[in-house]
Protein backbone atom coordinates (compact mmCIF):
# COMPACT_ATOMS: atom_id res chain seq x y z
CA MET A 1 9.32 17.56 15.06
CA SER A 2 11.36 14.45 14.16
CA GLY A 3 11.16 12.27 11.04
CA THR A 4 12.40 9.24 13.28
CA TRP A 5 11.11 8.05 16.44
CA SER A 6 12.41 5.17 19.03
CA PHE A 7 9.98 2.95 20.38
CA ALA A 8 12.33 1.59 22.96
CA ALA A 9 11.17 3.64 25.82
CA GLN A 10 7.62 3.22 25.09
CA ALA A 11 7.71 -0.46 24.87
CA ALA A 12 9.92 -1.01 27.67
CA GLY A 13 7.98 -3.30 30.40
CA LEU A 14 5.11 -4.10 27.86
CA LEU A 15 6.19 -6.86 25.76
CA PRO A 16 5.01 -10.18 27.04
CA LEU A 17 7.26 -12.00 29.44
CA ALA A 18 9.12 -15.28 28.35
CA THR A 19 6.37 -18.01 28.38
CA THR A 20 5.97 -21.52 30.15
CA GLY A 21 4.28 -24.46 28.88
CA ALA A 22 1.49 -24.04 31.32
CA GLN A 23 0.52 -20.34 30.33
CA ALA A 24 -2.48 -20.47 28.15
CA GLN A 25 -2.13 -19.00 24.20
CA GLY A 26 -5.08 -16.97 24.78
CA ALA A 27 -3.31 -15.06 27.66
CA LYS A 28 -0.07 -14.63 25.75
CA LEU A 29 -1.99 -13.33 22.64
CA ASP A 30 -3.82 -10.72 24.78
CA ALA A 31 -0.66 -9.57 26.31
CA ALA A 32 0.75 -9.14 22.69
CA VAL A 33 -2.18 -7.13 21.60
CA ALA A 34 -1.71 -4.77 24.62
CA ALA A 35 1.83 -4.50 23.61
CA ALA A 36 1.07 -3.40 20.32
CA ASN A 37 -1.64 -1.29 21.13
CA ALA A 38 0.60 0.66 23.68
CA VAL A 39 3.12 1.26 20.89
CA VAL A 40 0.56 3.11 18.65
CA GLU A 41 -0.95 4.97 21.63
CA ALA A 42 2.44 6.22 22.25
CA ALA A 43 3.07 7.11 19.17
CA ILE A 44 -0.15 9.31 18.95
CA THR A 45 0.76 10.58 22.47
CA ASP A 46 4.37 11.71 21.21
CA GLY A 47 2.81 13.56 18.36
CA HIS A 48 4.26 11.40 15.78
CA ILE A 49 1.24 10.24 14.26
CA PRO A 50 -2.25 11.96 14.47
CA GLY A 51 -4.19 8.52 14.47
CA ALA A 52 -4.31 4.84 13.16
CA ALA A 53 -6.71 2.06 12.63
CA MET A 54 -5.19 -1.62 13.48
CA VAL A 55 -6.94 -4.89 12.71
CA ILE A 56 -4.99 -8.33 13.94
CA ALA A 57 -6.58 -11.37 12.93
CA VAL A 58 -5.46 -15.13 13.56
CA ASP A 59 -6.32 -18.03 11.48
CA GLY A 60 -9.28 -16.08 9.97
CA LYS A 61 -10.59 -14.75 13.58
CA VAL A 62 -10.46 -10.98 14.27
CA ILE A 63 -9.19 -10.36 17.65
CA GLN A 64 -9.07 -6.71 17.54
CA GLU A 65 -10.31 -3.88 15.10
CA ARG A 66 -9.43 -0.48 16.75
CA ALA A 67 -9.40 2.90 15.80
CA PHE A 68 -6.85 5.28 17.67
CA GLY A 69 -6.55 8.89 17.84
CA TYR A 70 -7.61 11.40 15.13
CA ALA A 71 -8.89 11.13 11.25
CA GLU A 72 -8.02 14.99 11.01
CA LEU A 73 -5.67 16.87 13.15
CA ASN A 74 -3.92 19.80 11.72
CA ASP A 75 -5.15 22.22 9.17
CA PHE A 76 -3.26 23.22 6.13
CA ASN A 77 -0.62 25.29 7.96
CA MET A 78 -0.08 22.42 10.44
CA ARG A 79 -1.90 24.20 13.23
CA ARG A 80 -4.05 22.35 15.60
CA LEU A 81 -7.67 22.32 14.51
CA PRO A 82 -9.94 23.48 17.19
CA ALA A 83 -12.10 20.52 17.09
CA PRO A 84 -10.23 17.58 15.67
CA ARG A 85 -12.07 14.76 13.94
CA LEU A 86 -11.91 11.42 15.62
CA LEU A 87 -10.70 8.65 13.58
CA LYS A 88 -13.22 5.52 13.55
CA THR A 89 -12.84 1.83 12.38
CA THR A 90 -15.02 2.82 9.49
CA THR A 91 -12.91 5.50 8.15
CA LEU A 92 -11.04 5.30 4.88
CA PHE A 93 -7.41 5.62 4.20
CA ASP A 94 -5.60 6.58 0.93
CA LEU A 95 -3.67 3.29 0.55
CA ALA A 96 -1.31 4.49 -1.50
CA SER A 97 1.04 1.89 -3.03
CA VAL A 98 -0.79 -0.87 -0.94
CA THR A 99 -2.94 -0.18 -4.26
CA LYS A 100 -0.21 -2.22 -5.66
CA VAL A 101 -1.19 -5.42 -4.04
CA MET A 102 -4.81 -5.05 -2.89
CA ALA A 103 -5.87 -3.67 -6.34
CA THR A 104 -3.66 -4.64 -9.29
CA THR A 105 -1.72 -7.67 -8.15
CA MET A 106 -4.59 -9.22 -7.00
CA THR A 107 -6.23 -8.35 -10.32
CA MET A 108 -3.27 -9.90 -12.15
CA MET A 109 -3.87 -12.83 -9.72
CA ILE A 110 -7.36 -13.04 -11.15
CA LEU A 111 -6.59 -12.66 -14.81
CA VAL A 112 -3.81 -15.37 -14.36
CA ASP A 113 -6.39 -17.59 -12.97
CA ARG A 114 -8.80 -16.92 -15.88
CA GLY A 115 -6.19 -17.60 -18.39
CA LYS A 116 -6.34 -13.79 -19.55
CA VAL A 117 -2.78 -13.34 -18.45
CA LYS A 118 0.15 -15.04 -18.73
CA VAL A 119 2.79 -13.91 -16.20
CA ASP A 120 5.69 -14.42 -18.74
CA ALA A 121 4.43 -13.14 -21.53
CA PRO A 122 5.87 -10.02 -22.86
CA VAL A 123 3.95 -6.54 -22.19
CA TYR A 124 3.48 -6.11 -25.97
CA THR A 125 1.14 -9.21 -25.58
CA TYR A 126 -1.54 -6.85 -24.09
CA LEU A 127 -0.29 -3.47 -25.20
CA PRO A 128 0.72 -4.23 -28.70
CA ASP A 129 2.61 -0.67 -29.03
CA PHE A 130 4.88 -1.68 -26.47
CA ARG A 131 7.64 -2.35 -28.67
CA GLY A 132 11.26 -1.62 -29.31
CA PRO A 133 14.73 -3.57 -28.71
CA GLU A 134 14.47 -3.52 -24.82
CA LEU A 135 10.80 -3.11 -24.44
CA ASP A 136 10.27 -6.50 -26.38
CA LYS A 137 12.21 -8.24 -23.33
CA ILE A 138 10.10 -6.79 -20.70
CA THR A 139 7.43 -9.48 -19.50
CA VAL A 140 4.64 -9.30 -16.85
CA ARG A 141 6.78 -10.80 -14.59
CA HIS A 142 9.47 -8.04 -14.76
CA LEU A 143 6.77 -5.72 -14.02
CA LEU A 144 5.38 -7.15 -10.86
CA THR A 145 8.92 -7.90 -9.59
CA HIS A 146 10.42 -4.52 -10.37
CA THR A 147 13.11 -5.62 -12.51
CA SER A 148 11.95 -4.15 -16.02
CA GLY A 149 14.34 -1.32 -15.98
CA LEU A 150 11.77 1.15 -16.18
CA VAL A 151 12.58 4.51 -14.58
CA GLN A 152 11.26 4.39 -10.62
CA TRP A 153 9.37 7.86 -10.75
CA GLN A 154 8.73 11.09 -12.89
CA PRO A 155 6.08 13.58 -12.73
CA LEU A 156 4.12 12.15 -15.83
CA TYR A 157 1.51 14.77 -15.66
CA TYR A 158 3.94 17.32 -16.48
CA HIS A 159 3.48 15.46 -20.10
CA GLY A 160 0.26 13.75 -20.04
CA ALA A 161 -3.24 14.82 -18.22
CA THR A 162 -5.03 11.49 -19.24
CA LYS A 163 -4.25 7.70 -18.81
CA THR A 164 -3.76 7.37 -22.52
CA GLU A 165 -1.14 10.29 -22.61
CA VAL A 166 0.52 9.04 -19.46
CA TYR A 167 1.05 5.63 -21.05
CA GLN A 168 2.50 7.28 -24.42
CA VAL A 169 5.05 9.10 -22.15
CA ILE A 170 6.22 5.96 -20.44
CA ARG A 171 6.54 3.88 -23.28
CA LYS A 172 8.82 6.43 -25.24
CA MET A 173 10.83 6.80 -21.82
CA PRO A 174 14.26 5.25 -22.09
CA LEU A 175 15.04 2.65 -19.51
CA LYS A 176 17.33 3.40 -16.97
CA TRP A 177 18.50 -0.10 -16.32
CA ALA A 178 18.90 -3.34 -18.49
CA VAL A 179 15.70 -5.71 -18.53
CA GLY A 180 16.20 -8.13 -15.60
CA GLU A 181 19.27 -6.40 -14.05
CA GLY A 182 17.91 -5.90 -10.66
CA TYR A 183 15.25 -4.99 -8.30
CA HIS A 184 14.46 -1.16 -8.87
CA TYR A 185 11.31 -0.69 -7.38
CA SER A 186 8.95 1.27 -10.22
CA ASP A 187 5.66 3.17 -10.03
CA LEU A 188 5.64 3.12 -13.66
CA GLY A 189 5.78 -0.43 -13.79
CA PHE A 190 2.56 -0.65 -11.72
CA MET A 191 1.04 1.81 -13.96
CA LEU A 192 1.86 -0.45 -16.98
CA LEU A 193 0.20 -3.32 -15.02
CA GLY A 194 -3.09 -1.42 -14.61
CA TYR A 195 -3.15 -0.48 -18.36
CA ILE A 196 -2.28 -4.49 -18.81
CA ALA A 197 -5.24 -5.47 -16.63
CA GLU A 198 -7.73 -3.09 -18.39
CA ALA A 199 -6.70 -4.27 -21.84
CA ALA A 200 -7.15 -8.11 -20.70
CA SER A 201 -10.27 -7.60 -18.93
CA GLY A 202 -11.75 -5.12 -21.24
CA LYS A 203 -12.98 -2.89 -18.67
CA ALA A 204 -11.58 -0.38 -16.30
CA LEU A 205 -9.08 -1.38 -13.56
CA ASP A 206 -11.50 0.03 -10.75
CA VAL A 207 -14.55 -1.46 -12.49
CA PHE A 208 -13.10 -5.05 -13.08
CA VAL A 209 -11.46 -5.48 -9.47
CA ALA A 210 -14.88 -4.44 -7.93
CA GLU A 211 -16.62 -6.81 -10.07
CA ALA A 212 -14.41 -9.60 -9.74
CA LEU A 213 -13.14 -9.57 -6.06
CA TYR A 214 -14.55 -6.67 -3.82
CA ARG A 215 -18.23 -7.22 -4.39
CA PRO A 216 -18.10 -10.97 -4.32
CA LEU A 217 -16.03 -10.93 -0.91
CA GLY A 218 -18.64 -8.57 0.52
CA LEU A 219 -16.42 -5.30 0.70
CA ARG A 220 -18.27 -2.30 1.11
CA SER A 221 -15.37 0.18 1.61
CA THR A 222 -12.82 -0.36 -0.69
CA THR A 223 -12.81 1.69 -3.83
CA PHE A 224 -10.99 4.34 -6.00
CA ARG A 225 -12.34 8.02 -6.38
CA PRO A 226 -14.42 7.21 -2.99
CA ARG A 227 -16.31 10.40 -2.79
CA ASP A 228 -17.77 9.58 -6.32
CA HIS A 229 -19.30 6.67 -4.33
CA GLY A 230 -20.76 8.45 -1.64
CA PHE A 231 -18.00 8.25 1.08
CA ALA A 232 -17.37 10.99 3.55
CA ASP A 233 -15.42 9.89 6.28
CA PHE A 234 -11.49 10.01 5.44
CA ALA A 235 -8.15 10.11 7.31
CA VAL A 236 -6.78 13.32 5.51
CA THR A 237 -3.14 13.17 4.30
CA GLU A 238 -1.11 15.66 2.74
CA ALA A 239 -1.38 19.59 2.54
CA GLY A 240 -1.08 20.15 -1.02
CA ASN A 241 1.49 18.16 -3.05
CA GLY A 242 4.64 19.64 -1.27
CA TYR A 243 6.42 16.46 -1.18
CA GLU A 244 6.31 15.98 -4.75
CA ARG A 245 6.73 19.42 -5.68
CA HIS A 246 10.23 19.18 -3.56
CA MET A 247 10.86 16.14 -5.75
CA VAL A 248 10.49 18.20 -8.97
CA TYR A 249 12.08 21.49 -7.40
CA GLY A 250 15.02 19.85 -5.46
CA PRO A 251 17.86 18.40 -7.62
CA ASN A 252 19.12 16.44 -4.40
CA PHE A 253 15.90 15.13 -3.31
CA GLY A 254 13.85 12.06 -4.50
CA TYR A 255 14.49 10.96 -8.03
CA GLY A 256 14.81 14.29 -9.65
CA TYR A 257 13.44 15.82 -13.02
CA PRO A 258 15.52 16.52 -16.07
CA GLY A 259 12.95 19.12 -17.28
CA ASP A 260 11.80 22.62 -16.39
CA PRO A 261 9.78 22.62 -12.96
CA LYS A 262 8.20 25.51 -13.75
CA SER A 263 6.56 24.27 -17.15
CA TRP A 264 3.50 23.06 -15.09
CA ASN A 265 1.91 24.43 -12.23
CA GLY A 266 -1.25 22.78 -11.29
CA TRP A 267 -0.60 21.87 -7.78
CA ARG A 268 -3.31 21.50 -5.32
CA GLN A 269 -3.27 23.85 -2.60
CA TYR A 270 -5.46 22.17 0.14
CA VAL A 271 -5.35 19.40 2.66
CA PHE A 272 -6.22 16.22 1.04
CA ASN A 273 -9.69 14.58 2.46
CA GLY A 274 -10.93 11.78 0.06
CA GLU A 275 -8.72 12.78 -2.88
CA VAL A 276 -5.74 10.39 -3.48
CA ASP A 277 -2.55 11.94 -2.72
CA ASP A 278 -0.28 10.69 -5.57
CA GLY A 279 0.33 13.13 -8.15
CA ASN A 280 0.60 10.58 -10.89
CA ALA A 281 -2.51 9.00 -9.90
CA TRP A 282 -4.38 12.13 -9.47
CA TYR A 283 -3.39 14.54 -12.26
CA GLY A 284 -2.56 11.81 -14.94
CA ASN A 285 -4.86 9.00 -14.27
CA GLY A 286 -8.07 10.48 -12.97
CA GLY A 287 -7.41 8.93 -9.55
CA ILE A 288 -7.43 5.44 -10.64
CA ALA A 289 -4.16 3.93 -11.53
CA GLY A 290 -2.18 0.43 -10.61
CA HIS A 291 0.31 2.07 -8.48
CA ALA A 292 -1.99 4.35 -6.29
CA GLY A 293 -5.71 5.71 -5.69
CA LEU A 294 -7.37 2.79 -3.83
CA PHE A 295 -9.15 3.87 -0.46
CA SER A 296 -10.23 1.09 2.22
CA THR A 297 -10.49 0.30 5.71
CA GLY A 298 -8.66 -2.00 8.06
CA ALA A 299 -11.45 -4.22 7.99
CA ASP A 300 -11.82 -4.85 4.48
CA LEU A 301 -8.05 -5.06 4.23
CA ARG A 302 -8.06 -7.77 6.75
CA VAL A 303 -10.38 -9.91 4.38
CA LEU A 304 -8.36 -9.57 1.49
CA LEU A 305 -5.15 -10.57 3.34
CA ASP A 306 -6.97 -13.87 4.97
CA LEU A 307 -8.12 -14.68 1.38
CA LEU A 308 -4.48 -15.16 0.48
CA LEU A 309 -3.58 -16.62 3.68
CA ASN A 310 -6.70 -19.43 3.13
CA HIS A 311 -5.12 -20.09 -0.69
CA GLY A 312 -8.05 -18.23 -2.22
CA VAL A 313 -10.90 -19.22 -0.20
CA SER A 314 -13.40 -17.06 1.61
CA GLU A 315 -16.32 -18.01 3.88
CA GLY A 316 -16.28 -21.66 1.97
CA LYS A 317 -16.07 -19.96 -1.62
CA ARG A 318 -13.25 -20.14 -3.87
CA HIS A 319 -12.35 -16.58 -5.69
CA ILE A 320 -8.80 -17.44 -6.75
CA GLY A 321 -7.09 -20.55 -7.25
CA ALA A 322 -4.58 -21.99 -4.98
CA GLU A 323 -2.11 -22.59 -7.67
CA THR A 324 -2.04 -18.93 -8.84
CA ILE A 325 -1.52 -17.88 -5.20
CA ASP A 326 1.37 -20.17 -4.57
CA THR A 327 2.92 -18.72 -7.92
CA PHE A 328 2.35 -15.31 -6.57
CA LEU A 329 3.44 -15.84 -3.01
CA GLN A 330 6.06 -18.45 -3.73
CA PRO A 331 9.00 -17.78 -1.15
CA GLY A 332 11.76 -15.74 -2.43
CA ALA A 333 10.07 -15.01 -5.42
CA HIS A 334 7.29 -13.14 -4.59
CA LEU A 335 5.16 -11.21 -7.49
CA GLY A 336 3.77 -7.84 -6.44
CA TRP A 337 4.43 -8.40 -2.85
CA VAL A 338 7.31 -7.78 -0.65
CA GLN A 339 8.74 -10.54 1.33
CA PRO A 340 9.74 -8.58 4.75
CA GLU A 341 12.98 -9.34 6.08
CA GLY A 342 13.49 -10.91 9.32
CA LEU A 343 9.98 -12.63 9.17
CA PRO A 344 9.24 -16.21 8.55
CA PRO A 345 9.53 -17.38 4.87
CA GLY A 346 6.51 -16.86 2.62
CA SER A 347 5.20 -13.82 4.78
CA PHE A 348 4.10 -11.07 2.39
CA SER A 349 3.56 -7.33 2.95
CA HIS A 350 3.26 -3.84 1.34
CA THR A 351 3.57 -0.51 2.70
CA GLY A 352 2.09 3.11 1.37
CA PHE A 353 3.68 6.21 1.22
CA THR A 354 0.55 7.75 3.25
CA GLY A 355 1.34 5.86 5.91
CA THR A 356 -0.17 2.18 5.50
CA TYR A 357 0.91 -1.25 5.85
CA VAL A 358 -0.39 -4.70 5.47
CA LEU A 359 1.23 -8.04 6.36
CA GLY A 360 0.29 -11.71 6.41
CA VAL A 361 2.51 -14.37 7.75
CA PRO A 362 1.15 -17.77 6.94
CA GLU A 363 3.28 -19.55 9.54
CA ALA A 364 1.45 -17.81 12.03
CA LYS A 365 -1.78 -17.60 10.20
CA LEU A 366 -1.54 -13.77 10.98
CA ALA A 367 -3.15 -11.20 9.18
CA PHE A 368 -2.06 -7.56 10.34
CA VAL A 369 -3.36 -4.04 9.13
CA LEU A 370 -1.83 -1.09 10.44
CA LEU A 371 -3.13 2.42 8.62
CA THR A 372 -1.93 5.82 9.64
CA ASN A 373 -2.36 9.34 8.47
CA ARG A 374 1.23 10.61 8.96
CA GLN A 375 1.34 13.18 6.51
CA ASN A 376 -1.17 15.28 8.69
CA MET A 377 1.47 15.96 11.23
CA GLY A 378 3.52 17.54 8.26
CA ALA A 379 7.17 17.12 7.28
CA ASN A 380 10.23 18.07 8.91
CA ALA A 381 12.74 20.78 8.23
CA ALA A 382 14.32 18.29 5.54
CA GLY A 383 11.03 18.01 3.76
CA TYR A 384 10.48 14.35 5.28
CA PHE A 385 7.17 13.03 6.73
CA PRO A 386 7.48 10.89 10.12
CA ASP A 387 8.99 7.66 9.78
CA VAL A 388 6.41 4.92 10.47
CA ALA A 389 8.43 1.89 9.74
CA PRO A 390 9.58 1.26 13.60
CA LEU A 391 6.11 1.70 14.61
CA GLN A 392 5.11 -1.12 12.00
CA THR A 393 7.80 -3.59 13.24
CA ALA A 394 7.14 -2.61 17.07
CA ALA A 395 3.49 -3.25 16.73
CA VAL A 396 3.62 -6.56 14.92
CA ARG A 397 6.74 -8.02 17.02
CA PRO A 398 4.93 -8.95 20.07
CA LEU A 399 2.25 -10.56 18.16
CA LEU A 400 4.81 -13.01 16.37
CA ASP A 401 6.86 -13.57 19.37
CA ALA A 402 3.01 -14.87 21.19
CA LEU A 403 2.10 -16.77 17.93
CA LEU A 404 5.43 -18.28 17.06
CA PRO A 405 7.47 -18.33 20.29
CA SER A 406 10.35 -20.44 19.36
CA LYS A 407 11.38 -17.87 16.29
């Protein structure tokens, strides 16, 4: 199995033709949706991914909510199941790092809106023992923009089994770069944001975000530790934590671990089905963390995207102040979110390691969700899972061509 895949052949002839003024916008959009569907179907047919869920909304109106392929295709040894389980639109996905935006960043928006957190306040304002000559310089903004200088990733569960212990490991860990030196994507920074959210709100991260955002929006399928809440239908992910084990044991794979790889051996040895894949979330934070752990459906994630696209209002009710939305989504200076290259200014997105993707394009009034369970295909000989970035690009491109034909 290849870790990369080209969509050129599959998409050839399927993208909408150049439009004329006489053609209806609806027809162009229908053709664009058909093209997006075609590349997802091709990815499944070619054995690149087991399944996917895609939701497309324009100006707050859902024009497609569709499931493709299988929620569970292969067993622990990557052998095809005799009766693969179909993926449904109601199937929950492990969002991985999409948690950073759909839980933690949105929680910070609410806390900023309520005056509980200030973006430019030092971290020690909320975590009083987060002190030191360099740590004193780190602000909430540094964490949100990945410019804190913190280490990007380490197996913190080797040194801590609870969020309190993990926090102390992060606090005592030397910075890898100078504060503000540059962008260095850090899971540790978003773990800290989760701890800040809990300190500022007085509630656990999962409890606060559910009470302050998910329930008021009517979201029914967005939660941490979903099995605890009665959910049973999930898109499975990895077969054990083989990838992270490789990161720890392989000196030239991932970020490297300077300690003894054999000093901890709590690796899970089964296919993850409703358990967060990320080791720091599961082993070190009980499944609830600022960087990973959230589960959801495409339908729920669309509601959250549209909340941002509509400047904090959903179904006529304001949930987050417009000024706060503008602060976090300011073009060129996004907080928490990624501004994708090649898309109109102000667009915001995020990906998750399990194969998840969310995108908002204000200029096109487009909310786009594409969730895959790529890890259930297994890793290639080099240890990498299938690359779904080309799929994400190929699926959204025809939509943008139809909505913004002059771009």
